Amino acid sequence: MQIPSQEPQIFNEATQNPPEQGGLSFEVENNEALGNVSDVLSSIQESIVHDKSVTAKDILDLKKSLGDLTVDIEGMKIPIRDIKDMQGLVENKKIWDEINEGNYENIYKLTFLFDNAAEHLSVHKYSLYLDGLTSLSDKAAEHLSRHQDSLFFDNLVSLSDTACQFLAQFRGNLYVQAELQKQINRYKKR
């Protein structure tokens, strides 16, 4: 079964409550990956209807095609297979809603940071306490390196060399674990 390729369709989903009731909304675009899911499901359905075995390969194909789907969460397109690694997605969304309303009280509870969120935070006038983060993407590090006040990353455990290069350019006070500070210092211009 092929999905007609007209204007891209968006499938809206929500976890827990509808968005207007505080749930997290996301969108799945009608793209090639969604077409692949449809094809695999049709094949499995065909096997079942004709009393044929559904093979392990069929199930693995379905798993792969589902993992290839991309959802749009807060402006970031994320493969579904990566979402399972995003602990606290709903809680982070609530914190982002607070931040977008000007309330930074719970910023330290963020457990991950989308690149566009880092860009938004980079222009914040005061210190950023991002102690809940354990990792930081290169693009997020690039955005935050432009911040004008202090950055606190007490629980950051690793950074790529590229992220270190960006944070080495940061002119404010940077608070990270000693090992990460050594890694960042290697890229500071003397």
N, C-alpha and C. Protein backbone atom coordinates (compact mmCIF):
# COMPACT_ATOMS: atom_id res chain seq x y z
N MET A 1 0.85 -1.18 0.00
CA MET A 1 0.00 0.00 0.00
C MET A 1 0.89 1.23 0.00
N GLN A 2 0.76 2.07 -0.99
CA GLN A 2 1.53 3.30 -1.08
C GLN A 2 0.70 4.47 -0.58
N ILE A 3 1.34 5.35 0.14
CA ILE A 3 0.66 6.55 0.62
C ILE A 3 0.79 7.59 -0.47
N PRO A 4 -0.32 8.20 -0.91
CA PRO A 4 -0.24 9.19 -1.97
C PRO A 4 0.72 10.30 -1.59
N SER A 5 1.55 10.69 -2.55
CA SER A 5 2.54 11.73 -2.26
C SER A 5 2.01 13.07 -2.73
N GLN A 6 1.02 13.55 -2.01
CA GLN A 6 0.51 14.88 -2.25
C GLN A 6 1.29 15.81 -1.33
N GLU A 7 0.64 16.81 -0.84
CA GLU A 7 1.26 17.69 0.14
C GLU A 7 1.56 16.87 1.39
N PRO A 8 2.74 17.09 2.04
CA PRO A 8 3.07 16.27 3.21
C PRO A 8 1.98 16.33 4.26
N GLN A 9 1.57 15.16 4.71
CA GLN A 9 0.59 15.09 5.77
C GLN A 9 1.32 15.01 7.09
N ILE A 10 0.71 15.53 8.12
CA ILE A 10 1.30 15.47 9.45
C ILE A 10 0.36 14.67 10.33
N PHE A 11 0.93 13.74 11.08
CA PHE A 11 0.15 12.95 12.01
C PHE A 11 0.45 13.47 13.41
N ASN A 12 -0.53 14.01 14.09
CA ASN A 12 -0.32 14.54 15.43
C ASN A 12 -0.59 13.46 16.46
N GLU A 13 0.29 13.36 17.42
CA GLU A 13 0.15 12.41 18.50
C GLU A 13 0.38 13.15 19.80
N ALA A 14 -0.01 12.55 20.89
CA ALA A 14 0.24 13.17 22.20
C ALA A 14 0.49 12.07 23.21
N THR A 15 1.37 12.37 24.15
CA THR A 15 1.58 11.45 25.27
C THR A 15 0.78 11.98 26.44
N GLN A 16 0.20 11.08 27.18
CA GLN A 16 -0.61 11.39 28.36
C GLN A 16 -1.83 12.23 27.98
N ASN A 17 -1.75 13.54 28.09
CA ASN A 17 -2.90 14.41 27.87
C ASN A 17 -2.75 15.16 26.56
N PRO A 18 -3.86 15.62 25.99
CA PRO A 18 -3.75 16.49 24.81
C PRO A 18 -2.92 17.72 25.15
N PRO A 19 -2.24 18.33 24.14
CA PRO A 19 -1.37 19.49 24.39
C PRO A 19 -2.02 20.60 25.18
N GLU A 20 -3.31 20.87 24.92
CA GLU A 20 -3.96 21.96 25.64
C GLU A 20 -4.15 21.64 27.11
N GLN A 21 -3.95 20.36 27.49
CA GLN A 21 -4.05 19.97 28.89
C GLN A 21 -2.68 19.69 29.48
N GLY A 22 -1.61 20.14 28.82
CA GLY A 22 -0.27 20.01 29.37
C GLY A 22 0.50 18.80 28.91
N GLY A 23 -0.02 18.01 27.95
CA GLY A 23 0.72 16.87 27.44
C GLY A 23 1.78 17.32 26.44
N LEU A 24 2.58 16.37 25.99
CA LEU A 24 3.63 16.65 25.02
C LEU A 24 3.13 16.28 23.64
N SER A 25 3.16 17.20 22.71
CA SER A 25 2.72 16.89 21.37
C SER A 25 3.92 16.75 20.45
N PHE A 26 3.74 15.93 19.43
CA PHE A 26 4.78 15.80 18.42
C PHE A 26 4.12 15.48 17.10
N GLU A 27 4.87 15.62 16.03
CA GLU A 27 4.33 15.38 14.70
C GLU A 27 5.19 14.36 13.99
N VAL A 28 4.54 13.45 13.24
CA VAL A 28 5.23 12.50 12.38
C VAL A 28 4.88 12.90 10.95
N GLU A 29 5.88 13.22 10.16
CA GLU A 29 5.63 13.63 8.78
C GLU A 29 5.37 12.41 7.90
N ASN A 30 4.55 12.62 6.90
CA ASN A 30 4.30 11.59 5.90
C ASN A 30 5.45 11.68 4.90
N ASN A 31 6.45 10.83 5.08
CA ASN A 31 7.61 10.85 4.21
C ASN A 31 7.95 9.42 3.79
N GLU A 32 9.10 9.23 3.19
CA GLU A 32 9.49 7.91 2.71
C GLU A 32 9.52 6.88 3.84
N ALA A 33 9.99 7.28 5.02
CA ALA A 33 10.06 6.34 6.15
C ALA A 33 8.67 5.85 6.53
N LEU A 34 7.68 6.74 6.53
CA LEU A 34 6.31 6.33 6.85
C LEU A 34 5.78 5.40 5.76
N GLY A 35 6.13 5.67 4.52
CA GLY A 35 5.75 4.79 3.42
C GLY A 35 6.35 3.40 3.59
N ASN A 36 7.60 3.33 4.08
CA ASN A 36 8.24 2.04 4.32
C ASN A 36 7.51 1.26 5.41
N VAL A 37 7.10 1.94 6.47
CA VAL A 37 6.34 1.29 7.54
C VAL A 37 5.05 0.72 6.96
N SER A 38 4.39 1.50 6.16
CA SER A 38 3.14 1.06 5.54
C SER A 38 3.36 -0.17 4.67
N ASP A 39 4.43 -0.16 3.87
CA ASP A 39 4.74 -1.31 3.00
C ASP A 39 5.00 -2.57 3.81
N VAL A 40 5.79 -2.45 4.88
CA VAL A 40 6.12 -3.62 5.71
C VAL A 40 4.86 -4.14 6.39
N LEU A 41 4.04 -3.25 6.93
CA LEU A 41 2.79 -3.69 7.57
C LEU A 41 1.86 -4.37 6.57
N SER A 42 1.80 -3.84 5.36
CA SER A 42 0.97 -4.46 4.33
C SER A 42 1.46 -5.86 4.01
N SER A 43 2.76 -6.02 3.94
CA SER A 43 3.35 -7.33 3.67
C SER A 43 3.02 -8.32 4.79
N ILE A 44 3.14 -7.88 6.03
CA ILE A 44 2.82 -8.73 7.17
C ILE A 44 1.33 -9.09 7.16
N GLN A 45 0.49 -8.11 6.89
CA GLN A 45 -0.95 -8.36 6.83
C GLN A 45 -1.26 -9.37 5.73
N GLU A 46 -0.62 -9.22 4.59
CA GLU A 46 -0.81 -10.15 3.47
C GLU A 46 -0.45 -11.58 3.88
N SER A 47 0.66 -11.72 4.60
CA SER A 47 1.07 -13.04 5.08
C SER A 47 0.02 -13.63 6.01
N ILE A 48 -0.48 -12.84 6.92
CA ILE A 48 -1.48 -13.31 7.88
C ILE A 48 -2.77 -13.71 7.17
N VAL A 49 -3.25 -12.89 6.26
CA VAL A 49 -4.49 -13.14 5.54
C VAL A 49 -4.40 -14.44 4.74
N HIS A 50 -3.21 -14.73 4.19
CA HIS A 50 -3.03 -15.93 3.36
C HIS A 50 -2.40 -17.09 4.13
N ASP A 51 -2.53 -17.07 5.45
CA ASP A 51 -2.02 -18.15 6.31
C ASP A 51 -0.56 -18.48 6.06
N LYS A 52 0.23 -17.45 5.76
CA LYS A 52 1.68 -17.62 5.61
C LYS A 52 2.34 -17.21 6.92
N SER A 53 3.52 -17.71 7.14
CA SER A 53 4.26 -17.35 8.35
C SER A 53 4.78 -15.93 8.27
N VAL A 54 4.71 -15.26 9.40
CA VAL A 54 5.38 -13.98 9.54
C VAL A 54 6.77 -14.31 10.05
N THR A 55 7.78 -13.92 9.29
CA THR A 55 9.15 -14.32 9.61
C THR A 55 9.82 -13.33 10.54
N ALA A 56 10.92 -13.77 11.11
CA ALA A 56 11.73 -12.87 11.94
C ALA A 56 12.21 -11.69 11.12
N LYS A 57 12.52 -11.94 9.85
CA LYS A 57 12.96 -10.85 8.97
C LYS A 57 11.86 -9.80 8.82
N ASP A 58 10.59 -10.26 8.70
CA ASP A 58 9.47 -9.32 8.62
C ASP A 58 9.42 -8.42 9.85
N ILE A 59 9.58 -9.02 11.01
CA ILE A 59 9.54 -8.27 12.27
C ILE A 59 10.72 -7.31 12.36
N LEU A 60 11.92 -7.77 11.97
CA LEU A 60 13.10 -6.89 11.98
C LEU A 60 12.95 -5.75 10.99
N ASP A 61 12.35 -6.04 9.83
CA ASP A 61 12.11 -4.97 8.84
C ASP A 61 11.15 -3.92 9.42
N LEU A 62 10.12 -4.40 10.13
CA LEU A 62 9.17 -3.48 10.75
C LEU A 62 9.86 -2.63 11.82
N LYS A 63 10.67 -3.28 12.65
CA LYS A 63 11.39 -2.56 13.70
C LYS A 63 12.29 -1.49 13.09
N LYS A 64 13.02 -1.83 12.04
CA LYS A 64 13.92 -0.86 11.40
C LYS A 64 13.12 0.29 10.78
N SER A 65 12.04 -0.04 10.07
CA SER A 65 11.27 1.01 9.42
C SER A 65 10.61 1.94 10.44
N LEU A 66 10.17 1.39 11.57
CA LEU A 66 9.61 2.24 12.62
C LEU A 66 10.69 3.15 13.20
N GLY A 67 11.90 2.61 13.38
CA GLY A 67 13.00 3.40 13.91
C GLY A 67 13.43 4.52 12.99
N ASP A 68 13.16 4.35 11.69
CA ASP A 68 13.54 5.38 10.72
C ASP A 68 12.57 6.54 10.68
N LEU A 69 11.39 6.36 11.29
CA LEU A 69 10.43 7.48 11.33
C LEU A 69 11.06 8.65 12.08
N THR A 70 10.72 9.84 11.67
CA THR A 70 11.23 11.04 12.30
C THR A 70 10.05 11.83 12.86
N VAL A 71 10.20 12.28 14.09
CA VAL A 71 9.17 13.11 14.69
C VAL A 71 9.73 14.51 14.93
N ASP A 72 8.84 15.46 14.94
CA ASP A 72 9.22 16.84 15.21
C ASP A 72 8.78 17.16 16.62
N ILE A 73 9.77 17.37 17.50
CA ILE A 73 9.48 17.73 18.89
C ILE A 73 10.14 19.07 19.15
N GLU A 74 9.32 20.05 19.42
CA GLU A 74 9.85 21.39 19.72
C GLU A 74 10.77 21.89 18.61
N GLY A 75 10.42 21.61 17.36
CA GLY A 75 11.20 22.12 16.25
C GLY A 75 12.40 21.27 15.86
N MET A 76 12.67 20.23 16.61
CA MET A 76 13.80 19.34 16.29
C MET A 76 13.26 18.06 15.68
N LYS A 77 13.79 17.67 14.53
CA LYS A 77 13.42 16.41 13.92
C LYS A 77 14.30 15.32 14.49
N ILE A 78 13.67 14.34 15.14
CA ILE A 78 14.40 13.32 15.88
C ILE A 78 13.93 11.94 15.42
N PRO A 79 14.87 11.05 15.06
CA PRO A 79 14.46 9.69 14.73
C PRO A 79 13.82 9.02 15.96
N ILE A 80 12.75 8.29 15.73
CA ILE A 80 12.05 7.64 16.83
C ILE A 80 13.00 6.75 17.63
N ARG A 81 13.96 6.11 16.97
CA ARG A 81 14.88 5.23 17.68
C ARG A 81 15.69 5.98 18.73
N ASP A 82 15.86 7.30 18.57
CA ASP A 82 16.64 8.10 19.53
C ASP A 82 15.80 8.59 20.71
N ILE A 83 14.49 8.58 20.57
CA ILE A 83 13.63 9.11 21.61
C ILE A 83 13.72 8.29 22.89
N LYS A 84 13.94 7.00 22.77
CA LYS A 84 14.02 6.15 23.97
C LYS A 84 15.17 6.57 24.88
N ASP A 85 16.19 7.25 24.33
CA ASP A 85 17.32 7.72 25.14
C ASP A 85 17.07 9.07 25.79
N MET A 86 15.93 9.66 25.53
CA MET A 86 15.61 10.98 26.06
C MET A 86 14.76 10.84 27.31
N GLN A 87 15.41 10.58 28.42
CA GLN A 87 14.69 10.41 29.66
C GLN A 87 14.05 11.73 30.08
N GLY A 88 12.85 11.63 30.57
CA GLY A 88 12.17 12.82 31.09
C GLY A 88 11.66 13.75 30.01
N LEU A 89 11.27 13.21 28.86
CA LEU A 89 10.81 14.05 27.76
C LEU A 89 9.64 14.94 28.17
N VAL A 90 8.65 14.38 28.83
CA VAL A 90 7.48 15.17 29.24
C VAL A 90 7.88 16.22 30.28
N GLU A 91 8.71 15.83 31.25
CA GLU A 91 9.16 16.79 32.28
C GLU A 91 9.97 17.93 31.65
N ASN A 92 10.86 17.58 30.70
CA ASN A 92 11.64 18.61 30.02
C ASN A 92 10.74 19.56 29.24
N LYS A 93 9.69 19.03 28.64
CA LYS A 93 8.74 19.87 27.90
C LYS A 93 8.06 20.87 28.85
N LYS A 94 7.68 20.40 30.03
CA LYS A 94 7.05 21.31 31.02
C LYS A 94 8.03 22.42 31.41
N ILE A 95 9.29 22.06 31.62
CA ILE A 95 10.30 23.06 31.98
C ILE A 95 10.48 24.05 30.84
N TRP A 96 10.48 23.55 29.60
CA TRP A 96 10.62 24.45 28.46
C TRP A 96 9.44 25.41 28.35
N ASP A 97 8.26 24.92 28.63
CA ASP A 97 7.10 25.82 28.63
C ASP A 97 7.30 26.92 29.67
N GLU A 98 7.82 26.58 30.84
CA GLU A 98 8.10 27.59 31.88
C GLU A 98 9.14 28.59 31.39
N ILE A 99 10.22 28.08 30.78
CA ILE A 99 11.28 28.95 30.29
C ILE A 99 10.74 29.90 29.23
N ASN A 100 9.91 29.39 28.33
CA ASN A 100 9.33 30.23 27.29
C ASN A 100 8.42 31.31 27.85
N GLU A 101 7.93 31.09 29.08
CA GLU A 101 7.12 32.11 29.76
C GLU A 101 7.99 33.01 30.64
N GLY A 102 9.32 32.82 30.60
CA GLY A 102 10.23 33.66 31.36
C GLY A 102 10.60 33.12 32.73
N ASN A 103 10.16 31.92 33.07
CA ASN A 103 10.45 31.32 34.38
C ASN A 103 11.60 30.32 34.22
N TYR A 104 12.78 30.68 34.74
CA TYR A 104 13.97 29.83 34.63
C TYR A 104 14.23 29.04 35.91
N GLU A 105 13.29 29.02 36.82
CA GLU A 105 13.46 28.41 38.14
C GLU A 105 13.88 26.94 38.09
N ASN A 106 13.38 26.18 37.13
CA ASN A 106 13.67 24.74 37.06
C ASN A 106 14.65 24.36 35.97
N ILE A 107 15.37 25.33 35.44
CA ILE A 107 16.29 25.05 34.33
C ILE A 107 17.33 23.99 34.71
N TYR A 108 17.71 23.94 35.95
CA TYR A 108 18.72 22.97 36.40
C TYR A 108 18.21 21.53 36.32
N LYS A 109 16.90 21.36 36.13
CA LYS A 109 16.32 20.01 36.05
C LYS A 109 16.30 19.46 34.62
N LEU A 110 16.65 20.29 33.63
CA LEU A 110 16.67 19.79 32.25
C LEU A 110 17.66 18.65 32.14
N THR A 111 17.25 17.55 31.49
CA THR A 111 18.14 16.41 31.35
C THR A 111 18.70 16.28 29.94
N PHE A 112 18.19 17.05 29.00
CA PHE A 112 18.76 17.13 27.66
C PHE A 112 18.42 18.50 27.10
N LEU A 113 19.14 18.88 26.07
CA LEU A 113 18.99 20.21 25.51
C LEU A 113 19.00 20.12 23.99
N PHE A 114 17.88 20.45 23.37
CA PHE A 114 17.83 20.51 21.92
C PHE A 114 18.68 21.68 21.44
N ASP A 115 19.19 21.58 20.24
CA ASP A 115 20.05 22.63 19.70
C ASP A 115 19.33 23.97 19.62
N ASN A 116 18.05 23.96 19.20
CA ASN A 116 17.33 25.23 19.12
C ASN A 116 17.06 25.81 20.50
N ALA A 117 16.95 24.94 21.51
CA ALA A 117 16.78 25.42 22.88
C ALA A 117 18.07 26.08 23.37
N ALA A 118 19.21 25.51 23.02
CA ALA A 118 20.50 26.10 23.39
C ALA A 118 20.66 27.47 22.74
N GLU A 119 20.20 27.58 21.51
CA GLU A 119 20.26 28.88 20.82
C GLU A 119 19.41 29.91 21.56
N HIS A 120 18.23 29.49 21.98
CA HIS A 120 17.33 30.37 22.74
C HIS A 120 17.99 30.80 24.06
N LEU A 121 18.62 29.85 24.75
CA LEU A 121 19.25 30.16 26.04
C LEU A 121 20.50 31.03 25.89
N SER A 122 21.15 30.97 24.75
CA SER A 122 22.41 31.69 24.57
C SER A 122 22.25 33.20 24.74
N VAL A 123 21.06 33.72 24.55
CA VAL A 123 20.83 35.16 24.68
C VAL A 123 20.27 35.55 26.04
N HIS A 124 20.07 34.57 26.92
CA HIS A 124 19.58 34.85 28.27
C HIS A 124 20.61 35.71 29.01
N LYS A 125 20.16 36.71 29.76
CA LYS A 125 21.06 37.69 30.38
C LYS A 125 21.82 37.19 31.60
N TYR A 126 21.35 36.14 32.24
CA TYR A 126 21.93 35.73 33.51
C TYR A 126 22.58 34.35 33.42
N SER A 127 23.16 33.92 34.51
CA SER A 127 23.81 32.61 34.58
C SER A 127 22.82 31.51 34.23
N LEU A 128 23.35 30.46 33.59
CA LEU A 128 22.55 29.30 33.23
C LEU A 128 23.02 28.10 34.03
N TYR A 129 22.15 27.57 34.84
CA TYR A 129 22.46 26.40 35.67
C TYR A 129 21.91 25.15 34.97
N LEU A 130 22.74 24.54 34.15
CA LEU A 130 22.35 23.38 33.36
C LEU A 130 22.93 22.12 33.97
N ASP A 131 22.77 21.99 35.27
CA ASP A 131 23.38 20.90 36.03
C ASP A 131 22.76 19.54 35.78
N GLY A 132 21.57 19.48 35.19
CA GLY A 132 20.93 18.21 34.91
C GLY A 132 21.45 17.54 33.64
N LEU A 133 22.20 18.28 32.84
CA LEU A 133 22.71 17.73 31.58
C LEU A 133 23.92 16.83 31.82
N THR A 134 23.95 15.69 31.14
CA THR A 134 25.12 14.81 31.20
C THR A 134 25.86 14.82 29.88
N SER A 135 25.24 15.37 28.84
CA SER A 135 25.90 15.48 27.54
C SER A 135 25.42 16.75 26.86
N LEU A 136 26.16 17.14 25.84
CA LEU A 136 25.86 18.38 25.12
C LEU A 136 26.29 18.18 23.67
N SER A 137 25.41 18.47 22.73
CA SER A 137 25.77 18.32 21.32
C SER A 137 26.74 19.41 20.90
N ASP A 138 27.40 19.19 19.80
CA ASP A 138 28.34 20.18 19.27
C ASP A 138 27.62 21.49 18.97
N LYS A 139 26.45 21.39 18.36
CA LYS A 139 25.70 22.59 17.98
C LYS A 139 25.23 23.34 19.24
N ALA A 140 24.79 22.62 20.26
CA ALA A 140 24.37 23.27 21.50
C ALA A 140 25.56 23.97 22.15
N ALA A 141 26.73 23.33 22.13
CA ALA A 141 27.94 23.95 22.69
C ALA A 141 28.28 25.22 21.91
N GLU A 142 28.12 25.16 20.60
CA GLU A 142 28.40 26.35 19.78
C GLU A 142 27.48 27.50 20.17
N HIS A 143 26.19 27.22 20.30
CA HIS A 143 25.24 28.28 20.69
C HIS A 143 25.57 28.82 22.08
N LEU A 144 25.79 27.93 23.04
CA LEU A 144 26.03 28.37 24.42
C LEU A 144 27.37 29.08 24.57
N SER A 145 28.30 28.85 23.67
CA SER A 145 29.60 29.55 23.75
C SER A 145 29.43 31.05 23.54
N ARG A 146 28.29 31.47 23.01
CA ARG A 146 28.01 32.90 22.78
C ARG A 146 27.33 33.56 23.98
N HIS A 147 26.98 32.76 24.98
CA HIS A 147 26.31 33.28 26.17
C HIS A 147 27.23 34.28 26.87
N GLN A 148 26.65 35.30 27.50
CA GLN A 148 27.44 36.39 28.08
C GLN A 148 27.66 36.29 29.58
N ASP A 149 27.11 35.29 30.24
CA ASP A 149 27.28 35.17 31.69
C ASP A 149 27.84 33.79 31.99
N SER A 150 27.65 33.29 33.18
CA SER A 150 28.22 32.00 33.61
C SER A 150 27.39 30.82 33.12
N LEU A 151 28.09 29.71 32.89
CA LEU A 151 27.46 28.44 32.52
C LEU A 151 27.86 27.39 33.55
N PHE A 152 26.88 26.70 34.10
CA PHE A 152 27.12 25.66 35.09
C PHE A 152 26.70 24.31 34.52
N PHE A 153 27.66 23.40 34.42
CA PHE A 153 27.42 22.05 33.91
C PHE A 153 27.99 21.04 34.90
N ASP A 154 27.51 21.01 36.10
CA ASP A 154 28.10 20.17 37.15
C ASP A 154 28.06 18.68 36.86
N ASN A 155 27.10 18.21 36.07
CA ASN A 155 26.97 16.78 35.82
C ASN A 155 27.33 16.35 34.41
N LEU A 156 27.89 17.26 33.63
CA LEU A 156 28.33 16.93 32.29
C LEU A 156 29.47 15.92 32.39
N VAL A 157 29.35 14.79 31.70
CA VAL A 157 30.36 13.74 31.84
C VAL A 157 31.27 13.60 30.64
N SER A 158 30.83 14.07 29.48
CA SER A 158 31.69 13.98 28.31
C SER A 158 31.32 15.05 27.30
N LEU A 159 32.31 15.40 26.50
CA LEU A 159 32.14 16.36 25.41
C LEU A 159 32.98 15.89 24.23
N SER A 160 32.49 16.13 23.04
CA SER A 160 33.31 15.84 21.86
C SER A 160 34.41 16.90 21.76
N ASP A 161 35.41 16.63 20.96
CA ASP A 161 36.47 17.62 20.75
C ASP A 161 35.90 18.91 20.15
N THR A 162 34.94 18.76 19.26
CA THR A 162 34.33 19.95 18.65
C THR A 162 33.60 20.78 19.69
N ALA A 163 32.84 20.14 20.58
CA ALA A 163 32.14 20.87 21.65
C ALA A 163 33.16 21.57 22.55
N CYS A 164 34.26 20.90 22.84
CA CYS A 164 35.33 21.51 23.66
C CYS A 164 35.90 22.75 22.98
N GLN A 165 36.08 22.68 21.67
CA GLN A 165 36.60 23.83 20.93
C GLN A 165 35.66 25.02 21.06
N PHE A 166 34.37 24.78 20.96
CA PHE A 166 33.40 25.87 21.11
C PHE A 166 33.42 26.43 22.52
N LEU A 167 33.40 25.56 23.52
CA LEU A 167 33.38 26.03 24.90
C LEU A 167 34.70 26.71 25.29
N ALA A 168 35.78 26.39 24.60
CA ALA A 168 37.06 27.07 24.85
C ALA A 168 36.98 28.53 24.43
N GLN A 169 36.07 28.86 23.52
CA GLN A 169 35.89 30.24 23.07
C GLN A 169 34.97 31.04 24.00
N PHE A 170 34.31 30.36 24.92
CA PHE A 170 33.38 31.00 25.84
C PHE A 170 34.13 31.99 26.73
N ARG A 171 33.61 33.20 26.88
CA ARG A 171 34.30 34.26 27.62
C ARG A 171 33.78 34.44 29.04
N GLY A 172 32.71 33.78 29.40
CA GLY A 172 32.17 33.89 30.76
C GLY A 172 32.80 32.85 31.67
N ASN A 173 32.25 32.71 32.86
CA ASN A 173 32.71 31.69 33.80
C ASN A 173 32.07 30.36 33.44
N LEU A 174 32.91 29.34 33.28
CA LEU A 174 32.45 28.02 32.90
C LEU A 174 32.73 27.05 34.05
N TYR A 175 31.69 26.37 34.50
CA TYR A 175 31.82 25.43 35.61
C TYR A 175 31.51 24.03 35.11
N VAL A 176 32.56 23.22 34.99
CA VAL A 176 32.44 21.82 34.58
C VAL A 176 33.35 20.99 35.47
N GLN A 177 33.25 19.68 35.39
CA GLN A 177 34.13 18.80 36.15
C GLN A 177 35.57 19.02 35.70
N ALA A 178 36.52 18.78 36.61
CA ALA A 178 37.93 19.07 36.37
C ALA A 178 38.47 18.41 35.11
N GLU A 179 38.10 17.16 34.87
CA GLU A 179 38.60 16.46 33.68
C GLU A 179 38.11 17.12 32.40
N LEU A 180 36.87 17.55 32.38
CA LEU A 180 36.35 18.25 31.20
C LEU A 180 37.02 19.60 31.04
N GLN A 181 37.29 20.28 32.15
CA GLN A 181 37.95 21.57 32.06
C GLN A 181 39.33 21.42 31.42
N LYS A 182 40.06 20.36 31.78
CA LYS A 182 41.37 20.10 31.16
C LYS A 182 41.22 19.88 29.67
N GLN A 183 40.19 19.12 29.28
CA GLN A 183 39.95 18.84 27.87
C GLN A 183 39.64 20.15 27.12
N ILE A 184 38.83 21.01 27.71
CA ILE A 184 38.48 22.29 27.09
C ILE A 184 39.70 23.20 27.01
N ASN A 185 40.50 23.22 28.07
CA ASN A 185 41.67 24.11 28.12
C ASN A 185 42.67 23.83 27.00
N ARG A 186 42.71 22.60 26.52
CA ARG A 186 43.62 22.27 25.41
C ARG A 186 43.32 23.07 24.16
N TYR A 187 42.10 23.59 24.06
CA TYR A 187 41.70 24.33 22.85
C TYR A 187 41.69 25.84 23.06
N LYS A 188 42.02 26.28 24.26
CA LYS A 188 42.05 27.74 24.52
C LYS A 188 43.27 28.35 23.86
N LYS A 189 43.05 29.51 23.25
CA LYS A 189 44.16 30.23 22.62
C LYS A 189 44.97 30.91 23.69
N ARG A 190 46.25 30.77 23.61
CA ARG A 190 47.13 31.37 24.61
C ARG A 190 47.54 32.75 24.21
